[in-house]
Amino acid sequence: VYENLLLFGDRQPGERASAALMRSTA
């Protein structure tokens, strides 16, 4: 349930490869 909710959050940082790999503070 928790993972399903997380998946549908808006403005997901992991949707872009660079953000997912760099793991920036933002």
mmCIF file of all heavy atoms, coordinates in Angstrom:
data_MODEL
# 
_entry.id   MODEL 
# 
loop_
_atom_site.group_PDB 
_atom_site.id 
_atom_site.type_symbol 
_atom_site.label_atom_id 
_atom_site.label_alt_id 
_atom_site.label_comp_id 
_atom_site.label_asym_id 
_atom_site.label_entity_id 
_atom_site.label_seq_id 
_atom_site.pdbx_PDB_ins_code 
_atom_site.Cartn_x 
_atom_site.Cartn_y 
_atom_site.Cartn_z 
_atom_site.occupancy 
_atom_site.B_iso_or_equiv 
_atom_site.pdbx_formal_charge 
_atom_site.auth_seq_id 
_atom_site.auth_comp_id 
_atom_site.auth_asym_id 
_atom_site.auth_atom_id 
_atom_site.pdbx_PDB_model_num 
ATOM 1   N N   . VAL A 1 1  ? 0.839  -1.196 0.000   1.00 0.00 ? 1  VAL A N   1 
ATOM 2   C CA  . VAL A 1 1  ? 0.000  0.000  0.000   1.00 0.00 ? 1  VAL A CA  1 
ATOM 3   C C   . VAL A 1 1  ? 0.873  1.245  0.000   1.00 0.00 ? 1  VAL A C   1 
ATOM 4   O O   . VAL A 1 1  ? 0.646  2.201  -0.762  1.00 0.00 ? 1  VAL A O   1 
ATOM 5   C CB  . VAL A 1 1  ? -0.933 -0.013 1.226   1.00 0.00 ? 1  VAL A CB  1 
ATOM 6   C CG1 . VAL A 1 1  ? -1.620 1.337  1.411   1.00 0.00 ? 1  VAL A CG1 1 
ATOM 7   C CG2 . VAL A 1 1  ? -1.957 -1.132 1.094   1.00 0.00 ? 1  VAL A CG2 1 
ATOM 8   N N   . TYR A 1 2  ? 1.894  1.236  0.838   1.00 0.00 ? 2  TYR A N   1 
ATOM 9   C CA  . TYR A 1 2  ? 2.823  2.362  0.951   1.00 0.00 ? 2  TYR A CA  1 
ATOM 10  C C   . TYR A 1 2  ? 3.502  2.642  -0.390  1.00 0.00 ? 2  TYR A C   1 
ATOM 11  O O   . TYR A 1 2  ? 3.579  3.794  -0.842  1.00 0.00 ? 2  TYR A O   1 
ATOM 12  C CB  . TYR A 1 2  ? 3.854  2.023  2.026   1.00 0.00 ? 2  TYR A CB  1 
ATOM 13  C CG  . TYR A 1 2  ? 5.035  2.939  2.143   1.00 0.00 ? 2  TYR A CG  1 
ATOM 14  C CD1 . TYR A 1 2  ? 4.897  4.223  2.655   1.00 0.00 ? 2  TYR A CD1 1 
ATOM 15  C CD2 . TYR A 1 2  ? 6.308  2.504  1.783   1.00 0.00 ? 2  TYR A CD2 1 
ATOM 16  C CE1 . TYR A 1 2  ? 5.988  5.059  2.770   1.00 0.00 ? 2  TYR A CE1 1 
ATOM 17  C CE2 . TYR A 1 2  ? 7.404  3.324  1.908   1.00 0.00 ? 2  TYR A CE2 1 
ATOM 18  C CZ  . TYR A 1 2  ? 7.241  4.602  2.398   1.00 0.00 ? 2  TYR A CZ  1 
ATOM 19  O OH  . TYR A 1 2  ? 8.333  5.418  2.513   1.00 0.00 ? 2  TYR A OH  1 
ATOM 20  N N   . GLU A 1 3  ? 3.986  1.605  -1.057  1.00 0.00 ? 3  GLU A N   1 
ATOM 21  C CA  . GLU A 1 3  ? 4.670  1.774  -2.346  1.00 0.00 ? 3  GLU A CA  1 
ATOM 22  C C   . GLU A 1 3  ? 3.708  2.263  -3.424  1.00 0.00 ? 3  GLU A C   1 
ATOM 23  O O   . GLU A 1 3  ? 4.080  3.088  -4.267  1.00 0.00 ? 3  GLU A O   1 
ATOM 24  C CB  . GLU A 1 3  ? 5.323  0.458  -2.759  1.00 0.00 ? 3  GLU A CB  1 
ATOM 25  C CG  . GLU A 1 3  ? 6.514  0.077  -1.897  1.00 0.00 ? 3  GLU A CG  1 
ATOM 26  C CD  . GLU A 1 3  ? 6.941  -1.375 -2.073  1.00 0.00 ? 3  GLU A CD  1 
ATOM 27  O OE1 . GLU A 1 3  ? 6.085  -2.230 -2.437  1.00 0.00 ? 3  GLU A OE1 1 
ATOM 28  O OE2 . GLU A 1 3  ? 8.123  -1.657 -1.831  1.00 0.00 ? 3  GLU A OE2 1 
ATOM 29  N N   . ASN A 1 4  ? 2.467  1.759  -3.395  1.00 0.00 ? 4  ASN A N   1 
ATOM 30  C CA  . ASN A 1 4  ? 1.474  2.229  -4.356  1.00 0.00 ? 4  ASN A CA  1 
ATOM 31  C C   . ASN A 1 4  ? 1.199  3.715  -4.185  1.00 0.00 ? 4  ASN A C   1 
ATOM 32  O O   . ASN A 1 4  ? 1.099  4.459  -5.175  1.00 0.00 ? 4  ASN A O   1 
ATOM 33  C CB  . ASN A 1 4  ? 0.172  1.440  -4.205  1.00 0.00 ? 4  ASN A CB  1 
ATOM 34  C CG  . ASN A 1 4  ? 0.115  0.213  -5.097  1.00 0.00 ? 4  ASN A CG  1 
ATOM 35  O OD1 . ASN A 1 4  ? -0.201 0.318  -6.279  1.00 0.00 ? 4  ASN A OD1 1 
ATOM 36  N ND2 . ASN A 1 4  ? 0.448  -0.943 -4.540  1.00 0.00 ? 4  ASN A ND2 1 
ATOM 37  N N   . LEU A 1 5  ? 1.087  4.163  -2.948  1.00 0.00 ? 5  LEU A N   1 
ATOM 38  C CA  . LEU A 1 5  ? 0.858  5.588  -2.715  1.00 0.00 ? 5  LEU A CA  1 
ATOM 39  C C   . LEU A 1 5  ? 2.036  6.424  -3.197  1.00 0.00 ? 5  LEU A C   1 
ATOM 40  O O   . LEU A 1 5  ? 1.858  7.450  -3.867  1.00 0.00 ? 5  LEU A O   1 
ATOM 41  C CB  . LEU A 1 5  ? 0.600  5.836  -1.224  1.00 0.00 ? 5  LEU A CB  1 
ATOM 42  C CG  . LEU A 1 5  ? -0.723 5.305  -0.671  1.00 0.00 ? 5  LEU A CG  1 
ATOM 43  C CD1 . LEU A 1 5  ? -0.766 5.463  0.845   1.00 0.00 ? 5  LEU A CD1 1 
ATOM 44  C CD2 . LEU A 1 5  ? -1.912 6.007  -1.312  1.00 0.00 ? 5  LEU A CD2 1 
ATOM 45  N N   . LEU A 1 6  ? 3.241  5.986  -2.873  1.00 0.00 ? 6  LEU A N   1 
ATOM 46  C CA  . LEU A 1 6  ? 4.425  6.739  -3.277  1.00 0.00 ? 6  LEU A CA  1 
ATOM 47  C C   . LEU A 1 6  ? 4.511  6.888  -4.796  1.00 0.00 ? 6  LEU A C   1 
ATOM 48  O O   . LEU A 1 6  ? 4.897  7.950  -5.309  1.00 0.00 ? 6  LEU A O   1 
ATOM 49  C CB  . LEU A 1 6  ? 5.686  6.051  -2.767  1.00 0.00 ? 6  LEU A CB  1 
ATOM 50  C CG  . LEU A 1 6  ? 6.022  6.216  -1.285  1.00 0.00 ? 6  LEU A CG  1 
ATOM 51  C CD1 . LEU A 1 6  ? 7.279  5.420  -0.944  1.00 0.00 ? 6  LEU A CD1 1 
ATOM 52  C CD2 . LEU A 1 6  ? 6.228  7.687  -0.935  1.00 0.00 ? 6  LEU A CD2 1 
ATOM 53  N N   . LEU A 1 7  ? 4.151  5.836  -5.507  1.00 0.00 ? 7  LEU A N   1 
ATOM 54  C CA  . LEU A 1 7  ? 4.269  5.857  -6.964  1.00 0.00 ? 7  LEU A CA  1 
ATOM 55  C C   . LEU A 1 7  ? 3.415  6.941  -7.605  1.00 0.00 ? 7  LEU A C   1 
ATOM 56  O O   . LEU A 1 7  ? 3.755  7.451  -8.671  1.00 0.00 ? 7  LEU A O   1 
ATOM 57  C CB  . LEU A 1 7  ? 3.876  4.497  -7.545  1.00 0.00 ? 7  LEU A CB  1 
ATOM 58  C CG  . LEU A 1 7  ? 4.951  3.423  -7.555  1.00 0.00 ? 7  LEU A CG  1 
ATOM 59  C CD1 . LEU A 1 7  ? 4.357  2.093  -8.001  1.00 0.00 ? 7  LEU A CD1 1 
ATOM 60  C CD2 . LEU A 1 7  ? 6.100  3.818  -8.484  1.00 0.00 ? 7  LEU A CD2 1 
ATOM 61  N N   . PHE A 1 8  ? 2.307  7.284  -6.962  1.00 0.00 ? 8  PHE A N   1 
ATOM 62  C CA  . PHE A 1 8  ? 1.386  8.227  -7.580  1.00 0.00 ? 8  PHE A CA  1 
ATOM 63  C C   . PHE A 1 8  ? 1.578  9.657  -7.072  1.00 0.00 ? 8  PHE A C   1 
ATOM 64  O O   . PHE A 1 8  ? 0.779  10.533 -7.401  1.00 0.00 ? 8  PHE A O   1 
ATOM 65  C CB  . PHE A 1 8  ? -0.050 7.760  -7.373  1.00 0.00 ? 8  PHE A CB  1 
ATOM 66  C CG  . PHE A 1 8  ? -0.385 6.550  -8.197  1.00 0.00 ? 8  PHE A CG  1 
ATOM 67  C CD1 . PHE A 1 8  ? -0.414 5.284  -7.628  1.00 0.00 ? 8  PHE A CD1 1 
ATOM 68  C CD2 . PHE A 1 8  ? -0.648 6.668  -9.544  1.00 0.00 ? 8  PHE A CD2 1 
ATOM 69  C CE1 . PHE A 1 8  ? -0.707 4.169  -8.381  1.00 0.00 ? 8  PHE A CE1 1 
ATOM 70  C CE2 . PHE A 1 8  ? -0.943 5.558  -10.319 1.00 0.00 ? 8  PHE A CE2 1 
ATOM 71  C CZ  . PHE A 1 8  ? -0.969 4.308  -9.738  1.00 0.00 ? 8  PHE A CZ  1 
ATOM 72  N N   . GLY A 1 9  ? 2.620  9.897  -6.301  1.00 0.00 ? 9  GLY A N   1 
ATOM 73  C CA  . GLY A 1 9  ? 2.925  11.260 -5.895  1.00 0.00 ? 9  GLY A CA  1 
ATOM 74  C C   . GLY A 1 9  ? 3.357  12.100 -7.080  1.00 0.00 ? 9  GLY A C   1 
ATOM 75  O O   . GLY A 1 9  ? 3.946  11.593 -8.042  1.00 0.00 ? 9  GLY A O   1 
ATOM 76  N N   . ASP A 1 10 ? 3.069  13.387 -7.037  1.00 0.00 ? 10 ASP A N   1 
ATOM 77  C CA  . ASP A 1 10 ? 3.463  14.273 -8.125  1.00 0.00 ? 10 ASP A CA  1 
ATOM 78  C C   . ASP A 1 10 ? 4.930  14.699 -7.973  1.00 0.00 ? 10 ASP A C   1 
ATOM 79  O O   . ASP A 1 10 ? 5.523  14.569 -6.918  1.00 0.00 ? 10 ASP A O   1 
ATOM 80  C CB  . ASP A 1 10 ? 2.557  15.516 -8.151  1.00 0.00 ? 10 ASP A CB  1 
ATOM 81  C CG  . ASP A 1 10 ? 2.625  16.318 -6.861  1.00 0.00 ? 10 ASP A CG  1 
ATOM 82  O OD1 . ASP A 1 10 ? 2.824  15.698 -5.793  1.00 0.00 ? 10 ASP A OD1 1 
ATOM 83  O OD2 . ASP A 1 10 ? 2.476  17.540 -6.913  1.00 0.00 ? 10 ASP A OD2 1 
ATOM 84  N N   . ARG A 1 11 ? 5.501  15.171 -9.060  1.00 0.00 ? 11 ARG A N   1 
ATOM 85  C CA  . ARG A 1 11 ? 6.881  15.670 -9.102  1.00 0.00 ? 11 ARG A CA  1 
ATOM 86  C C   . ARG A 1 11 ? 7.874  14.659 -8.524  1.00 0.00 ? 11 ARG A C   1 
ATOM 87  O O   . ARG A 1 11 ? 8.641  14.954 -7.631  1.00 0.00 ? 11 ARG A O   1 
ATOM 88  C CB  . ARG A 1 11 ? 6.997  17.017 -8.380  1.00 0.00 ? 11 ARG A CB  1 
ATOM 89  C CG  . ARG A 1 11 ? 6.203  18.121 -9.037  1.00 0.00 ? 11 ARG A CG  1 
ATOM 90  C CD  . ARG A 1 11 ? 6.449  19.476 -8.437  1.00 0.00 ? 11 ARG A CD  1 
ATOM 91  N NE  . ARG A 1 11 ? 5.983  19.593 -7.076  1.00 0.00 ? 11 ARG A NE  1 
ATOM 92  C CZ  . ARG A 1 11 ? 6.771  19.753 -6.019  1.00 0.00 ? 11 ARG A CZ  1 
ATOM 93  N NH1 . ARG A 1 11 ? 8.075  19.790 -6.148  1.00 0.00 ? 11 ARG A NH1 1 
ATOM 94  N NH2 . ARG A 1 11 ? 6.247  19.864 -4.808  1.00 0.00 ? 11 ARG A NH2 1 
ATOM 95  N N   . GLN A 1 12 ? 7.854  13.458 -9.084  1.00 0.00 ? 12 GLN A N   1 
ATOM 96  C CA  . GLN A 1 12 ? 8.754  12.400 -8.627  1.00 0.00 ? 12 GLN A CA  1 
ATOM 97  C C   . GLN A 1 12 ? 10.195 12.699 -9.053  1.00 0.00 ? 12 GLN A C   1 
ATOM 98  O O   . GLN A 1 12 ? 10.470 12.842 -10.244 1.00 0.00 ? 12 GLN A O   1 
ATOM 99  C CB  . GLN A 1 12 ? 8.324  11.054 -9.235  1.00 0.00 ? 12 GLN A CB  1 
ATOM 100 C CG  . GLN A 1 12 ? 6.995  10.545 -8.763  1.00 0.00 ? 12 GLN A CG  1 
ATOM 101 C CD  . GLN A 1 12 ? 7.089  9.785  -7.443  1.00 0.00 ? 12 GLN A CD  1 
ATOM 102 O OE1 . GLN A 1 12 ? 8.163  9.670  -6.873  1.00 0.00 ? 12 GLN A OE1 1 
ATOM 103 N NE2 . GLN A 1 12 ? 5.971  9.282  -6.965  1.00 0.00 ? 12 GLN A NE2 1 
ATOM 104 N N   . PRO A 1 13 ? 11.146 12.782 -8.126  1.00 0.00 ? 13 PRO A N   1 
ATOM 105 C CA  . PRO A 1 13 ? 12.533 13.081 -8.526  1.00 0.00 ? 13 PRO A CA  1 
ATOM 106 C C   . PRO A 1 13 ? 13.186 11.957 -9.313  1.00 0.00 ? 13 PRO A C   1 
ATOM 107 O O   . PRO A 1 13 ? 14.102 12.196 -10.098 1.00 0.00 ? 13 PRO A O   1 
ATOM 108 C CB  . PRO A 1 13 ? 13.243 13.298 -7.186  1.00 0.00 ? 13 PRO A CB  1 
ATOM 109 C CG  . PRO A 1 13 ? 12.423 12.561 -6.181  1.00 0.00 ? 13 PRO A CG  1 
ATOM 110 C CD  . PRO A 1 13 ? 11.002 12.683 -6.667  1.00 0.00 ? 13 PRO A CD  1 
ATOM 111 N N   . GLY A 1 14 ? 12.718 10.725 -9.145  1.00 0.00 ? 14 GLY A N   1 
ATOM 112 C CA  . GLY A 1 14 ? 13.333 9.603  -9.838  1.00 0.00 ? 14 GLY A CA  1 
ATOM 113 C C   . GLY A 1 14 ? 12.869 9.422  -11.272 1.00 0.00 ? 14 GLY A C   1 
ATOM 114 O O   . GLY A 1 14 ? 13.324 8.505  -11.964 1.00 0.00 ? 14 GLY A O   1 
ATOM 115 N N   . GLU A 1 15 ? 11.954 10.291 -11.748 1.00 0.00 ? 15 GLU A N   1 
ATOM 116 C CA  . GLU A 1 15 ? 11.469 10.147 -13.109 1.00 0.00 ? 15 GLU A CA  1 
ATOM 117 C C   . GLU A 1 15 ? 12.512 10.569 -14.146 1.00 0.00 ? 15 GLU A C   1 
ATOM 118 O O   . GLU A 1 15 ? 12.403 10.231 -15.312 1.00 0.00 ? 15 GLU A O   1 
ATOM 119 C CB  . GLU A 1 15 ? 10.184 10.964 -13.297 1.00 0.00 ? 15 GLU A CB  1 
ATOM 120 C CG  . GLU A 1 15 ? 8.990  10.357 -12.556 1.00 0.00 ? 15 GLU A CG  1 
ATOM 121 C CD  . GLU A 1 15 ? 7.730  11.177 -12.720 1.00 0.00 ? 15 GLU A CD  1 
ATOM 122 O OE1 . GLU A 1 15 ? 7.831  12.306 -13.244 1.00 0.00 ? 15 GLU A OE1 1 
ATOM 123 O OE2 . GLU A 1 15 ? 6.660  10.691 -12.317 1.00 0.00 ? 15 GLU A OE2 1 
ATOM 124 N N   . ARG A 1 16 ? 13.513 11.307 -13.709 1.00 0.00 ? 16 ARG A N   1 
ATOM 125 C CA  . ARG A 1 16 ? 14.598 11.710 -14.605 1.00 0.00 ? 16 ARG A CA  1 
ATOM 126 C C   . ARG A 1 16 ? 15.868 10.974 -14.187 1.00 0.00 ? 16 ARG A C   1 
ATOM 127 O O   . ARG A 1 16 ? 16.216 10.933 -12.999 1.00 0.00 ? 16 ARG A O   1 
ATOM 128 C CB  . ARG A 1 16 ? 14.813 13.222 -14.546 1.00 0.00 ? 16 ARG A CB  1 
ATOM 129 C CG  . ARG A 1 16 ? 13.577 14.001 -14.981 1.00 0.00 ? 16 ARG A CG  1 
ATOM 130 C CD  . ARG A 1 16 ? 13.709 15.482 -14.723 1.00 0.00 ? 16 ARG A CD  1 
ATOM 131 N NE  . ARG A 1 16 ? 14.836 16.054 -15.437 1.00 0.00 ? 16 ARG A NE  1 
ATOM 132 C CZ  . ARG A 1 16 ? 15.189 17.348 -15.341 1.00 0.00 ? 16 ARG A CZ  1 
ATOM 133 N NH1 . ARG A 1 16 ? 14.503 18.151 -14.539 1.00 0.00 ? 16 ARG A NH1 1 
ATOM 134 N NH2 . ARG A 1 16 ? 16.216 17.806 -16.017 1.00 0.00 ? 16 ARG A NH2 1 
ATOM 135 N N   . ALA A 1 17 ? 16.544 10.385 -15.155 1.00 0.00 ? 17 ALA A N   1 
ATOM 136 C CA  . ALA A 1 17 ? 17.710 9.553  -14.859 1.00 0.00 ? 17 ALA A CA  1 
ATOM 137 C C   . ALA A 1 17 ? 18.778 10.323 -14.092 1.00 0.00 ? 17 ALA A C   1 
ATOM 138 O O   . ALA A 1 17 ? 19.384 9.804  -13.151 1.00 0.00 ? 17 ALA A O   1 
ATOM 139 C CB  . ALA A 1 17 ? 18.290 8.988  -16.155 1.00 0.00 ? 17 ALA A CB  1 
ATOM 140 N N   . SER A 1 18 ? 19.010 11.569 -14.474 1.00 0.00 ? 18 SER A N   1 
ATOM 141 C CA  . SER A 1 18 ? 20.065 12.352 -13.816 1.00 0.00 ? 18 SER A CA  1 
ATOM 142 C C   . SER A 1 18 ? 19.760 12.550 -12.340 1.00 0.00 ? 18 SER A C   1 
ATOM 143 O O   . SER A 1 18 ? 20.633 12.393 -11.483 1.00 0.00 ? 18 SER A O   1 
ATOM 144 C CB  . SER A 1 18 ? 20.220 13.712 -14.517 1.00 0.00 ? 18 SER A CB  1 
ATOM 145 O OG  . SER A 1 18 ? 18.992 14.429 -14.497 1.00 0.00 ? 18 SER A OG  1 
ATOM 146 N N   . ALA A 1 19 ? 18.499 12.877 -12.021 1.00 0.00 ? 19 ALA A N   1 
ATOM 147 C CA  . ALA A 1 19 ? 18.123 13.093 -10.622 1.00 0.00 ? 19 ALA A CA  1 
ATOM 148 C C   . ALA A 1 19 ? 18.199 11.800 -9.825  1.00 0.00 ? 19 ALA A C   1 
ATOM 149 O O   . ALA A 1 19 ? 18.613 11.789 -8.662  1.00 0.00 ? 19 ALA A O   1 
ATOM 150 C CB  . ALA A 1 19 ? 16.717 13.682 -10.544 1.00 0.00 ? 19 ALA A CB  1 
ATOM 151 N N   . ALA A 1 20 ? 17.794 10.685 -10.467 1.00 0.00 ? 20 ALA A N   1 
ATOM 152 C CA  . ALA A 1 20 ? 17.822 9.397  -9.780  1.00 0.00 ? 20 ALA A CA  1 
ATOM 153 C C   . ALA A 1 20 ? 19.255 8.966  -9.463  1.00 0.00 ? 20 ALA A C   1 
ATOM 154 O O   . ALA A 1 20 ? 19.520 8.365  -8.415  1.00 0.00 ? 20 ALA A O   1 
ATOM 155 C CB  . ALA A 1 20 ? 17.132 8.341  -10.631 1.00 0.00 ? 20 ALA A CB  1 
ATOM 156 N N   . LEU A 1 21 ? 20.186 9.273  -10.355 1.00 0.00 ? 21 LEU A N   1 
ATOM 157 C CA  . LEU A 1 21 ? 21.574 8.851  -10.166 1.00 0.00 ? 21 LEU A CA  1 
ATOM 158 C C   . LEU A 1 21 ? 22.347 9.787  -9.253  1.00 0.00 ? 21 LEU A C   1 
ATOM 159 O O   . LEU A 1 21 ? 23.144 9.352  -8.412  1.00 0.00 ? 21 LEU A O   1 
ATOM 160 C CB  . LEU A 1 21 ? 22.276 8.756  -11.529 1.00 0.00 ? 21 LEU A CB  1 
ATOM 161 C CG  . LEU A 1 21 ? 21.789 7.635  -12.458 1.00 0.00 ? 21 LEU A CG  1 
ATOM 162 C CD1 . LEU A 1 21 ? 22.418 7.781  -13.833 1.00 0.00 ? 21 LEU A CD1 1 
ATOM 163 C CD2 . LEU A 1 21 ? 22.118 6.270  -11.860 1.00 0.00 ? 21 LEU A CD2 1 
ATOM 164 N N   . MET A 1 22 ? 22.110 11.079 -9.385  1.00 0.00 ? 22 MET A N   1 
ATOM 165 C CA  . MET A 1 22 ? 22.889 12.071 -8.629  1.00 0.00 ? 22 MET A CA  1 
ATOM 166 C C   . MET A 1 22 ? 22.438 12.172 -7.171  1.00 0.00 ? 22 MET A C   1 
ATOM 167 O O   . MET A 1 22 ? 23.229 12.497 -6.296  1.00 0.00 ? 22 MET A O   1 
ATOM 168 C CB  . MET A 1 22 ? 22.768 13.444 -9.301  1.00 0.00 ? 22 MET A CB  1 
ATOM 169 C CG  . MET A 1 22 ? 23.357 13.506 -10.697 1.00 0.00 ? 22 MET A CG  1 
ATOM 170 S SD  . MET A 1 22 ? 25.131 13.173 -10.710 1.00 0.00 ? 22 MET A SD  1 
ATOM 171 C CE  . MET A 1 22 ? 25.752 14.596 -9.822  1.00 0.00 ? 22 MET A CE  1 
ATOM 172 N N   . ARG A 1 23 ? 21.146 11.886 -6.939  1.00 0.00 ? 23 ARG A N   1 
ATOM 173 C CA  . ARG A 1 23 ? 20.607 11.949 -5.564  1.00 0.00 ? 23 ARG A CA  1 
ATOM 174 C C   . ARG A 1 23 ? 20.913 13.290 -4.921  1.00 0.00 ? 23 ARG A C   1 
ATOM 175 O O   . ARG A 1 23 ? 21.509 13.388 -3.842  1.00 0.00 ? 23 ARG A O   1 
ATOM 176 C CB  . ARG A 1 23 ? 21.179 10.809 -4.713  1.00 0.00 ? 23 ARG A CB  1 
ATOM 177 C CG  . ARG A 1 23 ? 20.978 9.428  -5.300  1.00 0.00 ? 23 ARG A CG  1 
ATOM 178 C CD  . ARG A 1 23 ? 19.556 8.955  -5.127  1.00 0.00 ? 23 ARG A CD  1 
ATOM 179 N NE  . ARG A 1 23 ? 19.273 8.655  -3.738  1.00 0.00 ? 23 ARG A NE  1 
ATOM 180 C CZ  . ARG A 1 23 ? 18.059 8.425  -3.260  1.00 0.00 ? 23 ARG A CZ  1 
ATOM 181 N NH1 . ARG A 1 23 ? 17.025 8.500  -4.066  1.00 0.00 ? 23 ARG A NH1 1 
ATOM 182 N NH2 . ARG A 1 23 ? 17.872 8.142  -1.995  1.00 0.00 ? 23 ARG A NH2 1 
ATOM 183 N N   . SER A 1 24 ? 20.517 14.349 -5.599  1.00 0.00 ? 24 SER A N   1 
ATOM 184 C CA  . SER A 1 24 ? 20.781 15.699 -5.115  1.00 0.00 ? 24 SER A CA  1 
ATOM 185 C C   . SER A 1 24 ? 20.004 15.984 -3.839  1.00 0.00 ? 24 SER A C   1 
ATOM 186 O O   . SER A 1 24 ? 19.072 15.252 -3.470  1.00 0.00 ? 24 SER A O   1 
ATOM 187 C CB  . SER A 1 24 ? 20.385 16.727 -6.181  1.00 0.00 ? 24 SER A CB  1 
ATOM 188 O OG  . SER A 1 24 ? 18.984 16.705 -6.369  1.00 0.00 ? 24 SER A OG  1 
ATOM 189 N N   . THR A 1 25 ? 20.374 17.066 -3.184  1.00 0.00 ? 25 THR A N   1 
ATOM 190 C CA  . THR A 1 25 ? 19.676 17.465 -1.962  1.00 0.00 ? 25 THR A CA  1 
ATOM 191 C C   . THR A 1 25 ? 18.198 17.724 -2.243  1.00 0.00 ? 25 THR A C   1 
ATOM 192 O O   . THR A 1 25 ? 17.330 17.346 -1.461  1.00 0.00 ? 25 THR A O   1 
ATOM 193 C CB  . THR A 1 25 ? 20.322 18.722 -1.372  1.00 0.00 ? 25 THR A CB  1 
ATOM 194 O OG1 . THR A 1 25 ? 21.698 18.458 -1.074  1.00 0.00 ? 25 THR A OG1 1 
ATOM 195 C CG2 . THR A 1 25 ? 19.605 19.166 -0.114  1.00 0.00 ? 25 THR A CG2 1 
ATOM 196 N N   . ALA A 1 26 ? 17.923 18.365 -3.380  1.00 0.00 ? 26 ALA A N   1 
ATOM 197 C CA  . ALA A 1 26 ? 16.538 18.662 -3.744  1.00 0.00 ? 26 ALA A CA  1 
ATOM 198 C C   . ALA A 1 26 ? 15.747 17.374 -3.967  1.00 0.00 ? 26 ALA A C   1 
ATOM 199 O O   . ALA A 1 26 ? 14.583 17.266 -3.557  1.00 0.00 ? 26 ALA A O   1 
ATOM 200 C CB  . ALA A 1 26 ? 16.501 19.532 -4.992  1.00 0.00 ? 26 ALA A CB  1 
# 
